[in-house]
Structures are given as structure tokens and as C-alpha cells.
Protein backbone atom coordinates (compact mmCIF):
# COMPACT_ATOMS: atom_id res chain seq x y z
CA MET A 1 122.55 121.59 100.40
CA PRO A 2 122.08 124.43 102.96
CA GLY A 3 118.29 123.34 104.25
CA SER A 4 119.13 119.84 105.02
CA ALA A 5 122.08 121.38 107.27
CA ILE A 6 119.76 123.68 109.25
CA ILE A 7 117.09 120.10 109.58
CA THR A 8 120.24 117.89 110.92
CA ALA A 9 121.01 120.65 113.31
CA ALA A 10 118.03 121.20 114.87
CA PRO A 11 117.25 119.27 117.68
CA GLU A 12 115.23 116.10 117.73
CA GLY A 13 112.33 117.34 119.02
CA ALA A 14 112.33 120.49 117.14
CA VAL A 15 111.91 118.09 113.36
CA GLY A 16 109.23 116.11 115.13
CA PHE A 17 107.38 119.44 116.00
CA LEU A 18 107.91 120.43 112.72
CA TYR A 19 106.70 117.52 111.02
CA LEU A 20 103.36 117.74 113.22
CA ALA A 21 102.83 121.00 112.73
CA TRP A 22 103.13 120.44 108.73
CA LYS A 23 100.39 117.51 109.27
CA GLY A 24 97.98 119.88 111.07
CA ILE A 25 98.15 122.30 108.22
CA LEU A 26 97.15 120.00 106.22
CA GLY A 27 94.59 118.26 107.53
CA ILE A 28 93.12 121.83 107.92
CA LEU A 29 94.05 123.07 104.29
CA GLY A 30 92.36 119.15 103.81
CA PHE A 31 89.01 120.03 105.63
CA CYS A 32 88.93 123.45 103.79
CA LEU A 33 88.95 121.54 100.66
CA ALA A 34 85.98 119.30 101.84
CA LEU A 35 84.12 122.28 103.34
CA ASN A 36 84.54 124.41 99.76
CA VAL A 37 85.79 127.42 101.60
CA HIS A 38 86.43 130.44 99.22
CA GLU A 39 84.92 127.54 96.29
CA SER A 40 88.61 126.21 96.17
CA ALA A 41 86.87 122.87 94.76
CA TYR A 42 85.63 124.69 91.83
CA ARG A 43 88.70 126.55 91.20
CA ILE A 44 91.03 123.23 91.36
CA TYR A 45 88.33 121.98 88.96
CA GLU A 46 88.09 124.53 86.47
CA LEU A 47 92.29 125.19 86.75
CA ALA A 48 92.50 121.38 86.14
CA THR A 49 89.72 121.63 83.08
CA SER A 50 90.72 124.84 81.28
CA ARG A 51 94.42 124.84 81.56
CA GLY A 52 95.92 121.38 81.86
CA PRO A 53 96.95 119.51 78.65
CA PHE A 54 95.01 116.83 78.68
CA ALA A 55 91.20 116.79 79.99
CA PRO A 56 89.83 114.81 83.01
CA GLY A 57 88.17 112.15 82.79
CA PRO A 58 84.06 111.67 83.21
CA GLY A 59 84.95 111.11 86.74
CA PHE A 60 86.51 113.98 87.76
CA SER A 61 83.76 116.49 89.43
CA PRO A 62 84.14 119.56 92.31
CA LEU A 63 82.85 116.65 94.15
CA VAL A 64 85.45 113.97 93.58
CA ILE A 65 88.27 117.13 94.78
CA ARG A 66 85.76 117.79 98.34
CA ILE A 67 85.74 114.05 98.83
CA VAL A 68 89.64 113.55 98.43
CA GLY A 69 90.43 116.50 100.37
CA ALA A 70 88.19 115.18 103.03
CA LEU A 71 90.14 112.05 103.41
CA ILE A 72 93.38 113.67 103.39
CA GLY A 73 92.37 116.11 105.85
CA ALA A 74 90.94 113.24 108.23
CA VAL A 75 94.21 111.08 107.83
CA SER A 76 96.79 114.13 108.36
CA THR A 77 94.48 115.53 111.54
CA TRP A 78 94.65 111.55 112.64
CA SER A 79 98.35 111.40 112.13
CA CYS A 80 99.02 114.71 113.66
CA VAL A 81 97.29 113.67 116.78
CA GLN A 82 98.67 110.45 116.82
CA GLY A 83 101.90 112.15 116.92
CA LEU A 84 100.90 114.51 119.86
CA ALA A 85 99.71 111.44 121.93
CA SER A 86 102.75 109.77 121.78
């Protein structure tokens, strides 16, 4: 696979930096979801309720999506900061 050859050929520091960058981007996206930027929580909710083959349960709402986004953002940001500090 060409993609794995590129990753294994890269220096160890570069792979670590890309991993931390990905964690940082995931953290930013999680916080954007939690803050409902461009009504993202409602768009995900509508996508899940109108296009999915199975309807979500009664506990599924845009608020739940925003809370999960906040948790993902916090964990990813914390992981990124820990990686930068070490």
C-alpha cells in the first residue's frame, strides 16, 4: 500500500506531529459542534432522522449531539496538549 510506505518512511517526529495536529483539528471540530457553528448539530440530527434506515430513539436530540461534541472536543484537546507538553 503506498500510503503506509509514506508513513513508515517519515521520521518519527513527523508522524508524531501529524498525530497531534489531527488531535487538535478533531478538538476544534468537537468544540465547533458543541457551539453549534452553522447549526451543525441540527444538520446532523436532520441527517440521522430523515435519511437513515432506522429512526433514532427518543433520547436522541441536537442537545445530545452538542454534549457529545463537547466531550470529543475536550478529550481531543487534552490529548493534544499532553502530547505537546511531553
